[in-house]
N, C-alpha and C. Protein backbone atom coordinates (compact mmCIF):
# COMPACT_ATOMS: atom_id res chain seq x y z
N MET A 1 85.71 102.79 134.74
CA MET A 1 86.60 101.76 133.52
C MET A 1 87.70 101.58 134.67
N SER A 2 88.49 100.30 134.36
CA SER A 2 89.50 99.98 135.09
C SER A 2 90.64 100.56 134.34
N LYS A 3 91.81 100.35 134.80
CA LYS A 3 92.92 101.05 134.09
C LYS A 3 93.56 99.90 133.19
N ALA A 4 92.98 98.73 133.51
CA ALA A 4 93.67 97.46 132.45
C ALA A 4 92.70 97.67 131.00
N ALA A 5 91.27 97.98 131.59
CA ALA A 5 90.54 98.37 130.38
C ALA A 5 90.60 99.08 129.35
N SER A 6 91.11 100.43 129.94
CA SER A 6 91.44 101.76 129.66
C SER A 6 92.47 101.72 128.57
N ALA A 7 93.86 100.74 129.05
CA ALA A 7 94.70 100.62 128.44
C ALA A 7 94.64 99.70 127.06
N ARG A 8 93.57 98.67 127.16
CA ARG A 8 93.08 98.14 126.09
C ARG A 8 92.64 98.74 125.20
N LYS A 9 91.76 99.55 125.68
CA LYS A 9 90.77 100.50 124.85
C LYS A 9 91.85 101.64 124.18
N GLU A 10 92.89 102.29 124.70
CA GLU A 10 93.84 102.79 124.31
C GLU A 10 94.67 102.06 123.24
N LYS A 11 95.21 100.96 123.49
CA LYS A 11 95.90 100.05 122.30
C LYS A 11 95.13 99.58 121.20
N ARG A 12 94.16 99.64 121.42
CA ARG A 12 93.02 99.25 120.07
C ARG A 12 92.90 100.50 119.38
N MET A 13 93.04 101.73 119.80
CA MET A 13 92.62 102.87 118.88
C MET A 13 93.83 103.16 118.20
N ASP A 14 95.04 102.86 119.11
CA ASP A 14 96.38 102.99 118.15
C ASP A 14 96.75 102.06 117.27
N GLU A 15 95.99 100.74 117.16
CA GLU A 15 96.18 99.97 116.27
C GLU A 15 95.42 100.32 115.33
N GLU A 16 93.94 100.72 115.48
CA GLU A 16 93.22 101.36 114.31
C GLU A 16 93.87 102.51 113.70
N MET A 17 94.31 103.23 114.53
CA MET A 17 95.05 104.53 113.79
C MET A 17 96.38 103.90 112.81
N ASN A 18 97.02 102.98 113.01
CA ASN A 18 97.97 102.73 112.43
C ASN A 18 97.55 101.87 111.42
N VAL A 19 96.41 101.28 111.47
CA VAL A 19 95.86 100.47 110.09
C VAL A 19 95.50 101.57 109.38
N GLY A 20 94.62 102.59 109.77
CA GLY A 20 94.32 103.39 108.72
C GLY A 20 95.21 104.26 108.32
N GLU A 21 96.48 104.53 109.13
CA GLU A 21 97.73 105.24 108.48
C GLU A 21 98.55 104.15 107.06
N LEU A 22 98.29 102.95 107.44
CA LEU A 22 98.79 102.09 106.25
C LEU A 22 97.98 102.19 105.09
N LEU A 23 96.64 102.12 105.53
CA LEU A 23 95.50 102.46 104.13
C LEU A 23 95.96 103.25 103.27
N LYS A 24 96.05 104.56 104.08
CA LYS A 24 96.14 105.90 103.38
C LYS A 24 97.88 105.84 102.52
N GLU A 25 98.69 104.96 103.05
CA GLU A 25 99.81 105.10 102.58
C GLU A 25 99.75 104.14 101.13
N VAL A 26 99.22 103.03 101.53
CA VAL A 26 99.05 101.96 100.30
C VAL A 26 97.98 102.85 99.27
N ALA A 27 97.15 103.52 99.65
CA ALA A 27 96.19 104.27 98.46
C ALA A 27 97.20 104.97 97.86
N GLU A 28 97.92 105.82 98.66
CA GLU A 28 98.92 106.87 97.62
C GLU A 28 99.65 106.39 97.01
N GLU A 29 100.48 105.11 97.40
CA GLU A 29 101.30 104.75 96.74
C GLU A 29 100.45 103.90 94.93
N ASN A 30 99.32 103.49 95.22
CA ASN A 30 98.73 103.16 94.37
C ASN A 30 98.15 104.19 93.35
N GLN A 31 97.77 105.19 94.01
CA GLN A 31 98.02 106.79 92.90
C GLN A 31 98.91 107.00 92.33
N THR A 32 99.88 106.75 92.70
CA THR A 32 100.99 107.31 92.23
C THR A 32 101.37 106.55 91.25
N ARG A 33 101.65 104.81 91.59
CA ARG A 33 101.51 104.12 90.32
C ARG A 33 100.80 104.29 88.93
N LYS A 34 99.69 104.78 89.34
CA LYS A 34 98.58 104.80 88.28
C LYS A 34 99.10 106.10 87.31
N ILE A 35 99.28 107.13 88.10
CA ILE A 35 99.83 108.20 87.55
C ILE A 35 101.13 107.76 86.70
N LEU A 36 102.34 107.18 87.20
CA LEU A 36 103.25 106.75 86.37
C LEU A 36 103.06 106.04 85.50
N GLU A 37 101.99 105.08 85.55
CA GLU A 37 101.54 104.32 84.19
C GLU A 37 101.05 105.27 83.21
N ILE A 38 100.25 106.44 83.40
CA ILE A 38 99.73 106.83 82.44
C ILE A 38 100.72 107.72 81.75
N LEU A 39 101.74 108.27 82.42
CA LEU A 39 103.03 108.96 81.96
C LEU A 39 103.39 108.34 80.79
N ASN A 40 103.80 106.72 81.18
CA ASN A 40 104.44 106.03 80.38
C ASN A 40 103.85 105.79 79.22
N GLU A 41 102.61 105.72 79.27
CA GLU A 41 101.64 105.43 78.09
C GLU A 41 101.41 106.49 77.12
N CYS A 42 101.44 107.64 77.87
CA CYS A 42 100.87 108.72 76.90
C CYS A 42 102.05 109.32 75.51
N LYS A 43 101.36 109.61 74.72
CA LYS A 43 102.57 110.33 73.70
C LYS A 43 102.78 111.63 74.13
N ASP A 44 102.01 112.46 74.65
CA ASP A 44 102.59 113.92 75.31
C ASP A 44 101.84 114.38 76.52
N LEU A 45 102.63 115.13 76.87
CA LEU A 45 102.06 115.87 78.15
C LEU A 45 100.68 116.62 78.36
N GLU A 46 99.99 116.93 77.34
CA GLU A 46 98.69 117.14 77.04
C GLU A 46 97.67 115.69 77.44
N GLU A 47 98.04 115.11 76.69
CA GLU A 47 97.45 113.78 77.10
C GLU A 47 97.61 112.97 78.36
N ALA A 48 98.66 113.05 78.77
CA ALA A 48 98.77 112.49 80.42
C ALA A 48 97.99 113.52 81.13
N LYS A 49 97.94 114.66 81.11
CA LYS A 49 97.35 115.60 81.76
C LYS A 49 95.81 115.39 81.89
N GLU A 50 95.06 115.11 80.75
CA GLU A 50 94.03 114.64 80.63
C GLU A 50 93.71 113.66 81.28
N LYS A 51 94.26 112.73 80.91
CA LYS A 51 94.16 111.30 81.67
C LYS A 51 94.27 111.30 83.55
N VAL A 52 94.94 112.14 83.74
CA VAL A 52 95.46 112.40 85.32
C VAL A 52 94.04 113.39 85.74
N LYS A 53 93.56 114.16 84.91
CA LYS A 53 92.70 114.93 85.40
C LYS A 53 91.42 114.10 85.65
N ALA A 54 91.27 113.04 85.04
CA ALA A 54 90.03 111.93 84.61
C ALA A 54 90.27 111.14 85.81
N LEU A 55 91.30 110.83 86.63
CA LEU A 55 91.32 110.19 87.73
C LEU A 55 90.79 111.03 88.70
N LEU A 56 91.05 112.05 88.88
CA LEU A 56 90.34 113.13 89.82
C LEU A 56 88.90 113.09 89.85
N ASN A 57 88.66 112.78 88.68
CA ASN A 57 86.96 113.21 88.12
C ASN A 57 85.97 111.89 88.54
N LYS A 58 87.08 110.74 88.90
CA LYS A 58 86.16 109.33 89.16
C LYS A 58 85.12 109.53 90.51
């Protein structure tokens, strides 16, 4: 494999890792938003705990 081809492959792998990291960050942010929404909607801590547990069991 030429140096240029190797460099292109390495760049593509870096870009794929960056996209993967971004997807992970967005997923974590969305999960946090869901939890915050649950906390705001629930009347007490027990109800909130049950709803958050339900998220884990999906």
